[in-house]
Amino acid sequence: MQDDMLRSDEDRADAWFQALSDRTRRDILRRVLTHEESVSSLARNYSMSLTAVQKHVLVLERAGLISRRRRGRESLARGDAGILRTASELLTELESGRREHIARIDELLDEEHDQKE
């Protein structure tokens, strides 16, 4: 059960960071975090086809970073700040582990230096 949950969390993290590895997708996410915007309106900001922008939006949606809803013929996208916070917390956790490791190395170097004196 715990392994399934861990795998699920790891799969979600993979999806977040894969989605965020693309500059266009990060820009789309920035835009829809501030306000809900139609996908066709988003497409006007890029020198690519509407279909290409729709594919980027789909990747972000599958990663859970944005949600979409229909309003008439429009597809409106909105960013999920809560998911970004969770991704940020994951990075902070990874950084924390690394900082503890570096702090331990510093302690060992200080001990070695003190023994030489």
PDB file of N, CA and C in Angstrom:
ATOM      1  N   MET A   1       0.830  -1.199   0.000  1.00  0.00           N
ATOM      2  CA  MET A   1       0.000   0.000   0.000  1.00  0.00           C
ATOM      3  C   MET A   1       0.867   1.252   0.000  1.00  0.00           C
ATOM      4  N   GLN A   2       1.854   1.309   0.923  1.00  0.00           N
ATOM      5  CA  GLN A   2       2.746   2.465   0.987  1.00  0.00           C
ATOM      6  C   GLN A   2       3.536   2.603  -0.312  1.00  0.00           C
ATOM      7  N   ASP A   3       4.008   1.464  -0.874  1.00  0.00           N
ATOM      8  CA  ASP A   3       4.741   1.508  -2.129  1.00  0.00           C
ATOM      9  C   ASP A   3       3.875   2.053  -3.248  1.00  0.00           C
ATOM     10  N   ASP A   4       2.573   1.639  -3.258  1.00  0.00           N
ATOM     11  CA  ASP A   4       1.664   2.153  -4.282  1.00  0.00           C
ATOM     12  C   ASP A   4       1.513   3.660  -4.159  1.00  0.00           C
ATOM     13  N   MET A   5       1.391   4.151  -2.904  1.00  0.00           N
ATOM     14  CA  MET A   5       1.239   5.582  -2.694  1.00  0.00           C
ATOM     15  C   MET A   5       2.507   6.316  -3.110  1.00  0.00           C
ATOM     16  N   LEU A   6       3.661   5.741  -2.731  1.00  0.00           N
ATOM     17  CA  LEU A   6       4.924   6.358  -3.091  1.00  0.00           C
ATOM     18  C   LEU A   6       5.079   6.410  -4.595  1.00  0.00           C
ATOM     19  N   ARG A   7       4.744   5.288  -5.244  1.00  0.00           N
ATOM     20  CA  ARG A   7       4.845   5.255  -6.700  1.00  0.00           C
ATOM     21  C   ARG A   7       3.926   6.295  -7.311  1.00  0.00           C
ATOM     22  N   SER A   8       2.728   6.406  -6.779  1.00  0.00           N
ATOM     23  CA  SER A   8       1.788   7.388  -7.287  1.00  0.00           C
ATOM     24  C   SER A   8       2.338   8.802  -7.109  1.00  0.00           C
ATOM     25  N   ASP A   9       2.904   9.099  -5.935  1.00  0.00           N
ATOM     26  CA  ASP A   9       3.500  10.412  -5.700  1.00  0.00           C
ATOM     27  C   ASP A   9       4.673  10.645  -6.641  1.00  0.00           C
ATOM     28  N   GLU A  10       5.488   9.619  -6.808  1.00  0.00           N
ATOM     29  CA  GLU A  10       6.633   9.757  -7.717  1.00  0.00           C
ATOM     30  C   GLU A  10       6.173   9.945  -9.163  1.00  0.00           C
ATOM     31  N   ASP A  11       5.106   9.235  -9.557  1.00  0.00           N
ATOM     32  CA  ASP A  11       4.574   9.395 -10.912  1.00  0.00           C
ATOM     33  C   ASP A  11       4.051  10.817 -11.120  1.00  0.00           C
ATOM     34  N   ARG A  12       3.368  11.330 -10.091  1.00  0.00           N
ATOM     35  CA  ARG A  12       2.873  12.711 -10.191  1.00  0.00           C
ATOM     36  C   ARG A  12       4.033  13.696 -10.293  1.00  0.00           C
ATOM     37  N   ALA A  13       5.059  13.499  -9.494  1.00  0.00           N
ATOM     38  CA  ALA A  13       6.217  14.398  -9.552  1.00  0.00           C
ATOM     39  C   ALA A  13       6.867  14.330 -10.933  1.00  0.00           C
ATOM     40  N   ASP A  14       6.975  13.124 -11.483  1.00  0.00           N
ATOM     41  CA  ASP A  14       7.518  12.987 -12.848  1.00  0.00           C
ATOM     42  C   ASP A  14       6.700  13.804 -13.835  1.00  0.00           C
ATOM     43  N   ALA A  15       5.373  13.711 -13.723  1.00  0.00           N
ATOM     44  CA  ALA A  15       4.491  14.436 -14.652  1.00  0.00           C
ATOM     45  C   ALA A  15       4.651  15.946 -14.487  1.00  0.00           C
ATOM     46  N   TRP A  16       4.764  16.414 -13.232  1.00  0.00           N
ATOM     47  CA  TRP A  16       4.930  17.864 -12.998  1.00  0.00           C
ATOM     48  C   TRP A  16       6.203  18.374 -13.651  1.00  0.00           C
ATOM     49  N   PHE A  17       7.300  17.691 -13.334  1.00  0.00           N
ATOM     50  CA  PHE A  17       8.580  18.218 -13.791  1.00  0.00           C
ATOM     51  C   PHE A  17       8.784  18.008 -15.291  1.00  0.00           C
ATOM     52  N   GLN A  18       8.196  16.964 -15.833  1.00  0.00           N
ATOM     53  CA  GLN A  18       8.244  16.806 -17.292  1.00  0.00           C
ATOM     54  C   GLN A  18       7.464  17.937 -17.952  1.00  0.00           C
ATOM     55  N   ALA A  19       6.297  18.240 -17.426  1.00  0.00           N
ATOM     56  CA  ALA A  19       5.486  19.323 -17.992  1.00  0.00           C
ATOM     57  C   ALA A  19       6.210  20.656 -17.867  1.00  0.00           C
ATOM     58  N   LEU A  20       6.861  20.875 -16.738  1.00  0.00           N
ATOM     59  CA  LEU A  20       7.527  22.155 -16.490  1.00  0.00           C
ATOM     60  C   LEU A  20       8.891  22.262 -17.170  1.00  0.00           C
ATOM     61  N   SER A  21       9.344  21.195 -17.801  1.00  0.00           N
ATOM     62  CA  SER A  21      10.649  21.235 -18.470  1.00  0.00           C
ATOM     63  C   SER A  21      10.600  22.001 -19.792  1.00  0.00           C
ATOM     64  N   ASP A  22       9.418  22.372 -20.232  1.00  0.00           N
ATOM     65  CA  ASP A  22       9.270  23.077 -21.506  1.00  0.00           C
ATOM     66  C   ASP A  22       8.962  24.561 -21.256  1.00  0.00           C
ATOM     67  N   ARG A  23       9.703  25.433 -21.929  1.00  0.00           N
ATOM     68  CA  ARG A  23       9.564  26.883 -21.749  1.00  0.00           C
ATOM     69  C   ARG A  23       8.157  27.385 -22.089  1.00  0.00           C
ATOM     70  N   THR A  24       7.601  26.883 -23.172  1.00  0.00           N
ATOM     71  CA  THR A  24       6.252  27.329 -23.563  1.00  0.00           C
ATOM     72  C   THR A  24       5.230  26.928 -22.509  1.00  0.00           C
ATOM     73  N   ARG A  25       5.342  25.715 -22.010  1.00  0.00           N
ATOM     74  CA  ARG A  25       4.384  25.266 -20.991  1.00  0.00           C
ATOM     75  C   ARG A  25       4.516  26.084 -19.706  1.00  0.00           C
ATOM     76  N   ARG A  26       5.761  26.420 -19.336  1.00  0.00           N
ATOM     77  CA  ARG A  26       5.924  27.266 -18.137  1.00  0.00           C
ATOM     78  C   ARG A  26       5.279  28.631 -18.366  1.00  0.00           C
ATOM     79  N   ASP A  27       5.427  29.162 -19.564  1.00  0.00           N
ATOM     80  CA  ASP A  27       4.818  30.465 -19.862  1.00  0.00           C
ATOM     81  C   ASP A  27       3.294  30.368 -19.838  1.00  0.00           C
ATOM     82  N   ILE A  28       2.752  29.316 -20.421  1.00  0.00           N
ATOM     83  CA  ILE A  28       1.296  29.116 -20.385  1.00  0.00           C
ATOM     84  C   ILE A  28       0.826  29.026 -18.941  1.00  0.00           C
ATOM     85  N   LEU A  29       1.550  28.279 -18.130  1.00  0.00           N
ATOM     86  CA  LEU A  29       1.165  28.130 -16.719  1.00  0.00           C
ATOM     87  C   LEU A  29       1.177  29.478 -16.002  1.00  0.00           C
ATOM     88  N   ARG A  30       2.217  30.295 -16.249  1.00  0.00           N
ATOM     89  CA  ARG A  30       2.260  31.625 -15.626  1.00  0.00           C
ATOM     90  C   ARG A  30       1.011  32.432 -15.989  1.00  0.00           C
ATOM     91  N   ARG A  31       0.638  32.376 -17.242  1.00  0.00           N
ATOM     92  CA  ARG A  31      -0.524  33.158 -17.700  1.00  0.00           C
ATOM     93  C   ARG A  31      -1.815  32.695 -17.033  1.00  0.00           C
ATOM     94  N   VAL A  32      -2.009  31.383 -16.931  1.00  0.00           N
ATOM     95  CA  VAL A  32      -3.286  30.896 -16.400  1.00  0.00           C
ATOM     96  C   VAL A  32      -3.303  30.829 -14.872  1.00  0.00           C
ATOM     97  N   LEU A  33      -2.159  31.056 -14.249  1.00  0.00           N
ATOM     98  CA  LEU A  33      -2.166  31.165 -12.789  1.00  0.00           C
ATOM     99  C   LEU A  33      -2.735  32.512 -12.348  1.00  0.00           C
ATOM    100  N   THR A  34      -2.543  33.531 -13.181  1.00  0.00           N
ATOM    101  CA  THR A  34      -3.040  34.856 -12.810  1.00  0.00           C
ATOM    102  C   THR A  34      -4.509  35.027 -13.140  1.00  0.00           C
ATOM    103  N   HIS A  35      -4.977  34.380 -14.206  1.00  0.00           N
ATOM    104  CA  HIS A  35      -6.390  34.463 -14.561  1.00  0.00           C
ATOM    105  C   HIS A  35      -6.743  33.351 -15.542  1.00  0.00           C
ATOM    106  N   GLU A  36      -7.972  32.971 -15.492  1.00  0.00           N
ATOM    107  CA  GLU A  36      -8.476  31.953 -16.420  1.00  0.00           C
ATOM    108  C   GLU A  36      -8.440  32.534 -17.841  1.00  0.00           C
ATOM    109  N   GLU A  37      -8.002  31.720 -18.779  1.00  0.00           N
ATOM    110  CA  GLU A  37      -7.865  32.220 -20.147  1.00  0.00           C
ATOM    111  C   GLU A  37      -8.232  31.122 -21.133  1.00  0.00           C
ATOM    112  N   SER A  38      -8.842  31.517 -22.241  1.00  0.00           N
ATOM    113  CA  SER A  38      -9.205  30.521 -23.249  1.00  0.00           C
ATOM    114  C   SER A  38      -7.949  30.039 -23.970  1.00  0.00           C
ATOM    115  N   VAL A  39      -8.000  28.811 -24.407  1.00  0.00           N
ATOM    116  CA  VAL A  39      -6.846  28.236 -25.095  1.00  0.00           C
ATOM    117  C   VAL A  39      -6.592  28.975 -26.409  1.00  0.00           C
ATOM    118  N   SER A  40      -7.639  29.381 -27.090  1.00  0.00           N
ATOM    119  CA  SER A  40      -7.443  30.123 -28.345  1.00  0.00           C
ATOM    120  C   SER A  40      -6.804  31.480 -28.073  1.00  0.00           C
ATOM    121  N   SER A  41      -7.147  32.113 -26.956  1.00  0.00           N
ATOM    122  CA  SER A  41      -6.518  33.377 -26.583  1.00  0.00           C
ATOM    123  C   SER A  41      -5.047  33.153 -26.240  1.00  0.00           C
ATOM    124  N   LEU A  42      -4.767  32.067 -25.533  1.00  0.00           N
ATOM    125  CA  LEU A  42      -3.372  31.736 -25.211  1.00  0.00           C
ATOM    126  C   LEU A  42      -2.553  31.555 -26.487  1.00  0.00           C
ATOM    127  N   ALA A  43      -3.160  30.920 -27.481  1.00  0.00           N
ATOM    128  CA  ALA A  43      -2.433  30.599 -28.714  1.00  0.00           C
ATOM    129  C   ALA A  43      -1.966  31.847 -29.452  1.00  0.00           C
ATOM    130  N   ARG A  44      -2.660  32.977 -29.257  1.00  0.00           N
ATOM    131  CA  ARG A  44      -2.255  34.219 -29.928  1.00  0.00           C
ATOM    132  C   ARG A  44      -0.901  34.722 -29.453  1.00  0.00           C
ATOM    133  N   ASN A  45      -0.422  34.234 -28.322  1.00  0.00           N
ATOM    134  CA  ASN A  45       0.856  34.684 -27.763  1.00  0.00           C
ATOM    135  C   ASN A  45       2.062  33.932 -28.310  1.00  0.00           C
ATOM    136  N   TYR A  46       1.824  32.932 -29.122  1.00  0.00           N
ATOM    137  CA  TYR A  46       2.933  32.078 -29.560  1.00  0.00           C
ATOM    138  C   TYR A  46       2.952  31.955 -31.081  1.00  0.00           C
ATOM    139  N   SER A  47       4.145  31.767 -31.605  1.00  0.00           N
ATOM    140  CA  SER A  47       4.290  31.588 -33.056  1.00  0.00           C
ATOM    141  C   SER A  47       4.191  30.105 -33.391  1.00  0.00           C
ATOM    142  N   MET A  48       3.101  29.510 -32.975  1.00  0.00           N
ATOM    143  CA  MET A  48       2.831  28.105 -33.285  1.00  0.00           C
ATOM    144  C   MET A  48       1.327  27.963 -33.483  1.00  0.00           C
ATOM    145  N   SER A  49       0.945  26.847 -34.002  1.00  0.00           N
ATOM    146  CA  SER A  49      -0.466  26.631 -34.305  1.00  0.00           C
ATOM    147  C   SER A  49      -1.300  26.471 -33.032  1.00  0.00           C
ATOM    148  N   LEU A  50      -2.592  26.674 -33.166  1.00  0.00           N
ATOM    149  CA  LEU A  50      -3.512  26.433 -32.048  1.00  0.00           C
ATOM    150  C   LEU A  50      -3.401  24.985 -31.582  1.00  0.00           C
ATOM    151  N   THR A  51      -3.255  24.075 -32.533  1.00  0.00           N
ATOM    152  CA  THR A  51      -3.132  22.653 -32.182  1.00  0.00           C
ATOM    153  C   THR A  51      -1.904  22.403 -31.308  1.00  0.00           C
ATOM    154  N   ALA A  52      -0.796  23.058 -31.647  1.00  0.00           N
ATOM    155  CA  ALA A  52       0.430  22.879 -30.841  1.00  0.00           C
ATOM    156  C   ALA A  52       0.216  23.418 -29.435  1.00  0.00           C
ATOM    157  N   VAL A  53      -0.438  24.573 -29.312  1.00  0.00           N
ATOM    158  CA  VAL A  53      -0.715  25.134 -27.981  1.00  0.00           C
ATOM    159  C   VAL A  53      -1.666  24.209 -27.216  1.00  0.00           C
ATOM    160  N   GLN A  54      -2.653  23.666 -27.909  1.00  0.00           N
ATOM    161  CA  GLN A  54      -3.579  22.733 -27.258  1.00  0.00           C
ATOM    162  C   GLN A  54      -2.834  21.517 -26.704  1.00  0.00           C
ATOM    163  N   LYS A  55      -1.822  21.056 -27.433  1.00  0.00           N
ATOM    164  CA  LYS A  55      -1.029  19.913 -26.947  1.00  0.00           C
ATOM    165  C   LYS A  55      -0.261  20.286 -25.684  1.00  0.00           C
ATOM    166  N   HIS A  56       0.295  21.496 -25.650  1.00  0.00           N
ATOM    167  CA  HIS A  56       0.997  21.947 -24.445  1.00  0.00           C
ATOM    168  C   HIS A  56       0.023  22.030 -23.265  1.00  0.00           C
ATOM    169  N   VAL A  57      -1.154  22.571 -23.520  1.00  0.00           N
ATOM    170  CA  VAL A  57      -2.165  22.685 -22.467  1.00  0.00           C
ATOM    171  C   VAL A  57      -2.566  21.297 -21.965  1.00  0.00           C
ATOM    172  N   LEU A  58      -2.685  20.350 -22.875  1.00  0.00           N
ATOM    173  CA  LEU A  58      -3.057  18.986 -22.493  1.00  0.00           C
ATOM    174  C   LEU A  58      -1.992  18.356 -21.577  1.00  0.00           C
ATOM    175  N   VAL A  59      -0.724  18.582 -21.891  1.00  0.00           N
ATOM    176  CA  VAL A  59       0.358  18.060 -21.045  1.00  0.00           C
ATOM    177  C   VAL A  59       0.251  18.655 -19.636  1.00  0.00           C
ATOM    178  N   LEU A  60       0.012  19.966 -19.562  1.00  0.00           N
ATOM    179  CA  LEU A  60      -0.133  20.627 -18.255  1.00  0.00           C
ATOM    180  C   LEU A  60      -1.359  20.099 -17.512  1.00  0.00           C
ATOM    181  N   GLU A  61      -2.422  19.862 -18.233  1.00  0.00           N
ATOM    182  CA  GLU A  61      -3.649  19.349 -17.614  1.00  0.00           C
ATOM    183  C   GLU A  61      -3.436  17.927 -17.101  1.00  0.00           C
ATOM    184  N   ARG A  62      -2.804  17.084 -17.889  1.00  0.00           N
ATOM    185  CA  ARG A  62      -2.553  15.700 -17.457  1.00  0.00           C
ATOM    186  C   ARG A  62      -1.640  15.655 -16.242  1.00  0.00           C
ATOM    187  N   ALA A  63      -0.747  16.633 -16.126  1.00  0.00           N
ATOM    188  CA  ALA A  63       0.141  16.700 -14.953  1.00  0.00           C
ATOM    189  C   ALA A  63      -0.591  17.261 -13.733  1.00  0.00           C
ATOM    190  N   GLY A  64      -1.801  17.747 -13.931  1.00  0.00           N
ATOM    191  CA  GLY A  64      -2.587  18.298 -12.829  1.00  0.00           C
ATOM    192  C   GLY A  64      -2.254  19.740 -12.508  1.00  0.00           C
ATOM    193  N   LEU A  65      -1.438  20.371 -13.361  1.00  0.00           N
ATOM    194  CA  LEU A  65      -1.023  21.743 -13.095  1.00  0.00           C
ATOM    195  C   LEU A  65      -2.076  22.766 -13.495  1.00  0.00           C
ATOM    196  N   ILE A  66      -2.940  22.402 -14.425  1.00  0.00           N
ATOM    197  CA  ILE A  66      -4.043  23.276 -14.807  1.00  0.00           C
ATOM    198  C   ILE A  66      -5.312  22.442 -14.946  1.00  0.00           C
ATOM    199  N   SER A  67      -6.417  23.131 -14.919  1.00  0.00           N
ATOM    200  CA  SER A  67      -7.698  22.472 -15.194  1.00  0.00           C
ATOM    201  C   SER A  67      -8.375  23.249 -16.316  1.00  0.00           C
ATOM    202  N   ARG A  68      -9.246  22.563 -17.015  1.00  0.00           N
ATOM    203  CA  ARG A  68      -9.982  23.223 -18.100  1.00  0.00           C
ATOM    204  C   ARG A  68     -11.475  23.011 -17.907  1.00  0.00           C
ATOM    205  N   ARG A  69     -12.216  23.982 -18.395  1.00  0.00           N
ATOM    206  CA  ARG A  69     -13.667  23.853 -18.416  1.00  0.00           C
ATOM    207  C   ARG A  69     -14.164  24.467 -19.715  1.00  0.00           C
ATOM    208  N   ARG A  70     -15.355  24.073 -20.083  1.00  0.00           N
ATOM    209  CA  ARG A  70     -15.951  24.592 -21.316  1.00  0.00           C
ATOM    210  C   ARG A  70     -16.874  25.751 -20.975  1.00  0.00           C
ATOM    211  N   ARG A  71     -16.835  26.769 -21.797  1.00  0.00           N
ATOM    212  CA  ARG A  71     -17.813  27.856 -21.752  1.00  0.00           C
ATOM    213  C   ARG A  71     -18.200  28.113 -23.201  1.00  0.00           C
ATOM    214  N   GLY A  72     -19.345  27.566 -23.555  1.00  0.00           N
ATOM    215  CA  GLY A  72     -19.763  27.645 -24.956  1.00  0.00           C
ATOM    216  C   GLY A  72     -18.792  26.884 -25.830  1.00  0.00           C
ATOM    217  N   ARG A  73     -18.237  27.567 -26.792  1.00  0.00           N
ATOM    218  CA  ARG A  73     -17.274  26.930 -27.696  1.00  0.00           C
ATOM    219  C   ARG A  73     -15.838  27.066 -27.209  1.00  0.00           C
ATOM    220  N   GLU A  74     -15.661  27.823 -26.107  1.00  0.00           N
ATOM    221  CA  GLU A  74     -14.315  28.060 -25.596  1.00  0.00           C
ATOM    222  C   GLU A  74     -13.891  26.990 -24.603  1.00  0.00           C
ATOM    223  N   SER A  75     -12.597  26.738 -24.604  1.00  0.00           N
ATOM    224  CA  SER A  75     -11.986  25.892 -23.580  1.00  0.00           C
ATOM    225  C   SER A  75     -11.148  26.818 -22.708  1.00  0.00           C
ATOM    226  N   LEU A  76     -11.550  26.962 -21.443  1.00  0.00           N
ATOM    227  CA  LEU A  76     -10.875  27.885 -20.532  1.00  0.00           C
ATOM    228  C   LEU A  76      -9.923  27.119 -19.627  1.00  0.00           C
ATOM    229  N   ALA A  77      -8.722  27.644 -19.481  1.00  0.00           N
ATOM    230  CA  ALA A  77      -7.699  26.996 -18.655  1.00  0.00           C
ATOM    231  C   ALA A  77      -7.401  27.863 -17.443  1.00  0.00           C
ATOM    232  N   ARG A  78      -7.166  27.183 -16.307  1.00  0.00           N
ATOM    233  CA  ARG A  78      -6.823  27.873 -15.062  1.00  0.00           C
ATOM    234  C   ARG A  78      -5.730  27.072 -14.365  1.00  0.00           C
ATOM    235  N   GLY A  79      -4.730  27.767 -13.854  1.00  0.00           N
ATOM    236  CA  GLY A  79      -3.631  27.112 -13.153  1.00  0.00           C
ATOM    237  C   GLY A  79      -4.023  26.718 -11.746  1.00  0.00           C
ATOM    238  N   ASP A  80      -3.368  25.682 -11.227  1.00  0.00           N
ATOM    239  CA  ASP A  80      -3.634  25.200  -9.861  1.00  0.00           C
ATOM    240  C   ASP A  80      -2.424  25.530  -8.991  1.00  0.00           C
ATOM    241  N   ALA A  81      -2.535  26.612  -8.231  1.00  0.00           N
ATOM    242  CA  ALA A  81      -1.425  27.049  -7.383  1.00  0.00           C
ATOM    243  C   ALA A  81      -1.115  26.020  -6.297  1.00  0.00           C
ATOM    244  N   GLY A  82      -2.119  25.277  -5.853  1.00  0.00           N
ATOM    245  CA  GLY A  82      -1.900  24.271  -4.811  1.00  0.00           C
ATOM    246  C   GLY A  82      -0.951  23.181  -5.268  1.00  0.00           C
ATOM    247  N   ILE A  83      -1.091  22.755  -6.513  1.00  0.00           N
ATOM    248  CA  ILE A  83      -0.185  21.724  -7.041  1.00  0.00           C
ATOM    249  C   ILE A  83       1.233  22.280  -7.146  1.00  0.00           C
ATOM    250  N   LEU A  84       1.344  23.531  -7.558  1.00  0.00           N
ATOM    251  CA  LEU A  84       2.686  24.136  -7.631  1.00  0.00           C
ATOM    252  C   LEU A  84       3.322  24.209  -6.251  1.00  0.00           C
ATOM    253  N   ARG A  85       2.513  24.522  -5.236  1.00  0.00           N
ATOM    254  CA  ARG A  85       3.030  24.564  -3.867  1.00  0.00           C
ATOM    255  C   ARG A  85       3.549  23.187  -3.461  1.00  0.00           C
ATOM    256  N   THR A  86       2.814  22.142  -3.819  1.00  0.00           N
ATOM    257  CA  THR A  86       3.241  20.781  -3.492  1.00  0.00           C
ATOM    258  C   THR A  86       4.558  20.451  -4.195  1.00  0.00           C
ATOM    259  N   ALA A  87       4.680  20.846  -5.457  1.00  0.00           N
ATOM    260  CA  ALA A  87       5.928  20.610  -6.194  1.00  0.00           C
ATOM    261  C   ALA A  87       7.071  21.389  -5.550  1.00  0.00           C
ATOM    262  N   SER A  88       6.791  22.600  -5.123  1.00  0.00           N
ATOM    263  CA  SER A  88       7.805  23.418  -4.459  1.00  0.00           C
ATOM    264  C   SER A  88       8.245  22.777  -3.142  1.00  0.00           C
ATOM    265  N   GLU A  89       7.288  22.236  -2.410  1.00  0.00           N
ATOM    266  CA  GLU A  89       7.615  21.559  -1.147  1.00  0.00           C
ATOM    267  C   GLU A  89       8.506  20.339  -1.396  1.00  0.00           C
ATOM    268  N   LEU A  90       8.244  19.633  -2.489  1.00  0.00           N
ATOM    269  CA  LEU A  90       9.079  18.489  -2.837  1.00  0.00           C
ATOM    270  C   LEU A  90      10.515  18.934  -3.094  1.00  0.00           C
ATOM    271  N   LEU A  91      10.679  20.033  -3.842  1.00  0.00           N
ATOM    272  CA  LEU A  91      12.028  20.549  -4.114  1.00  0.00           C
ATOM    273  C   LEU A  91      12.712  20.997  -2.826  1.00  0.00           C
ATOM    274  N   THR A  92      11.948  21.634  -1.947  1.00  0.00           N
ATOM    275  CA  THR A  92      12.510  22.076  -0.668  1.00  0.00           C
ATOM    276  C   THR A  92      12.967  20.873   0.150  1.00  0.00           C
ATOM    277  N   GLU A  93      12.171  19.814   0.131  1.00  0.00           N
ATOM    278  CA  GLU A  93      12.538  18.590   0.854  1.00  0.00           C
ATOM    279  C   GLU A  93      13.829  17.999   0.289  1.00  0.00           C
ATOM    280  N   LEU A  94      13.940  17.973  -1.040  1.00  0.00           N
ATOM    281  CA  LEU A  94      15.165  17.458  -1.664  1.00  0.00           C
ATOM    282  C   LEU A  94      16.362  18.325  -1.302  1.00  0.00           C
ATOM    283  N   GLU A  95      16.163  19.638  -1.330  1.00  0.00           N
ATOM    284  CA  GLU A  95      17.237  20.556  -0.981  1.00  0.00           C
ATOM    285  C   GLU A  95      17.650  20.371   0.474  1.00  0.00           C
ATOM    286  N   SER A  96      16.684  20.183   1.353  1.00  0.00           N
ATOM    287  CA  SER A  96      16.963  20.020   2.773  1.00  0.00           C
ATOM    288  C   SER A  96      17.866  18.814   3.021  1.00  0.00           C
ATOM    289  N   GLY A  97      17.561  17.716   2.355  1.00  0.00           N
ATOM    290  CA  GLY A  97      18.387  16.520   2.499  1.00  0.00           C
ATOM    291  C   GLY A  97      19.818  16.766   2.060  1.00  0.00           C
ATOM    292  N   ARG A  98      19.959  17.499   0.981  1.00  0.00           N
ATOM    293  CA  ARG A  98      21.295  17.812   0.457  1.00  0.00           C
ATOM    294  C   ARG A  98      22.035  18.747   1.405  1.00  0.00           C
ATOM    295  N   ARG A  99      21.314  19.724   1.957  1.00  0.00           N
ATOM    296  CA  ARG A  99      21.950  20.669   2.896  1.00  0.00           C
ATOM    297  C   ARG A  99      22.435  19.941   4.146  1.00  0.00           C
ATOM    298  N   GLU A 100      21.664  18.975   4.646  1.00  0.00           N
ATOM    299  CA  GLU A 100      22.092  18.201   5.814  1.00  0.00           C
ATOM    300  C   GLU A 100      23.359  17.421   5.493  1.00  0.00           C
ATOM    301  N   HIS A 101      23.437  16.874   4.303  1.00  0.00           N
ATOM    302  CA  HIS A 101      24.617  16.127   3.878  1.00  0.00           C
ATOM    303  C   HIS A 101      25.843  17.055   3.836  1.00  0.00           C
ATOM    304  N   ILE A 102      25.678  18.219   3.266  1.00  0.00           N
ATOM    305  CA  ILE A 102      26.781  19.179   3.169  1.00  0.00           C
ATOM    306  C   ILE A 102      27.194  19.655   4.562  1.00  0.00           C
ATOM    307  N   ALA A 103      26.219  19.877   5.433  1.00  0.00           N
ATOM    308  CA  ALA A 103      26.539  20.301   6.807  1.00  0.00           C
ATOM    309  C   ALA A 103      27.369  19.234   7.511  1.00  0.00           C
ATOM    310  N   ARG A 104      27.035  17.972   7.295  1.00  0.00           N
ATOM    311  CA  ARG A 104      27.798  16.878   7.913  1.00  0.00           C
ATOM    312  C   ARG A 104      29.226  16.840   7.366  1.00  0.00           C
ATOM    313  N   ILE A 105      29.394  17.071   6.086  1.00  0.00           N
ATOM    314  CA  ILE A 105      30.744  17.124   5.491  1.00  0.00           C
ATOM    315  C   ILE A 105      31.535  18.268   6.120  1.00  0.00           C
ATOM    316  N   ASP A 106      30.885  19.428   6.283  1.00  0.00           N
ATOM    317  CA  ASP A 106      31.556  20.572   6.919  1.00  0.00           C
ATOM    318  C   ASP A 106      32.003  20.219   8.338  1.00  0.00           C
ATOM    319  N   GLU A 107      31.141  19.525   9.085  1.00  0.00           N
ATOM    320  CA  GLU A 107      31.494  19.128  10.453  1.00  0.00           C
ATOM    321  C   GLU A 107      32.719  18.214  10.444  1.00  0.00           C
ATOM    322  N   LEU A 108      32.738  17.251   9.540  1.00  0.00           N
ATOM    323  CA  LEU A 108      33.868  16.321   9.453  1.00  0.00           C
ATOM    324  C   LEU A 108      35.154  17.058   9.081  1.00  0.00           C
ATOM    325  N   LEU A 109      35.054  18.008   8.165  1.00  0.00           N
ATOM    326  CA  LEU A 109      36.238  18.784   7.777  1.00  0.00           C
ATOM    327  C   LEU A 109      36.731  19.637   8.945  1.00  0.00           C
ATOM    328  N   ASP A 110      35.792  20.221   9.699  1.00  0.00           N
ATOM    329  CA  ASP A 110      36.181  21.022  10.867  1.00  0.00           C
ATOM    330  C   ASP A 110      36.873  20.143  11.911  1.00  0.00           C
ATOM    331  N   GLU A 111      36.334  18.935  12.154  1.00  0.00           N
ATOM    332  CA  GLU A 111      36.941  18.020  13.115  1.00  0.00           C
ATOM    333  C   GLU A 111      38.358  17.637  12.672  1.00  0.00           C
ATOM    334  N   GLU A 112      38.510  17.353  11.393  1.00  0.00           N
ATOM    335  CA  GLU A 112      39.819  16.988  10.852  1.00  0.00           C
ATOM    336  C   GLU A 112      40.794  18.147  10.992  1.00  0.00           C
ATOM    337  N   HIS A 113      40.313  19.360  10.706  1.00  0.00           N
ATOM    338  CA  HIS A 113      41.149  20.549  10.830  1.00  0.00           C
ATOM    339  C   HIS A 113      41.575  20.760  12.282  1.00  0.00           C
ATOM    340  N   ASP A 114      40.638  20.570  13.237  1.00  0.00           N
ATOM    341  CA  ASP A 114      40.938  20.742  14.663  1.00  0.00           C
ATOM    342  C   ASP A 114      41.964  19.706  15.150  1.00  0.00           C
ATOM    343  N   GLN A 115      41.891  18.490  14.619  1.00  0.00           N
ATOM    344  CA  GLN A 115      42.826  17.443  15.033  1.00  0.00           C
ATOM    345  C   GLN A 115      44.243  17.736  14.553  1.00  0.00           C
ATOM    346  N   LYS A 116      44.366  18.414  13.405  1.00  0.00           N
ATOM    347  CA  LYS A 116      45.695  18.733  12.876  1.00  0.00           C
ATOM    348  C   LYS A 116      46.360  19.840  13.678  1.00  0.00           C
ATOM    349  N   GLU A 117      45.566  20.673  14.306  1.00  0.00           N
ATOM    350  CA  GLU A 117      46.141  21.808  15.048  1.00  0.00           C
ATOM    351  C   GLU A 117      46.604  21.428  16.421  1.00  0.00           C
TER     352      GLU A 117
END
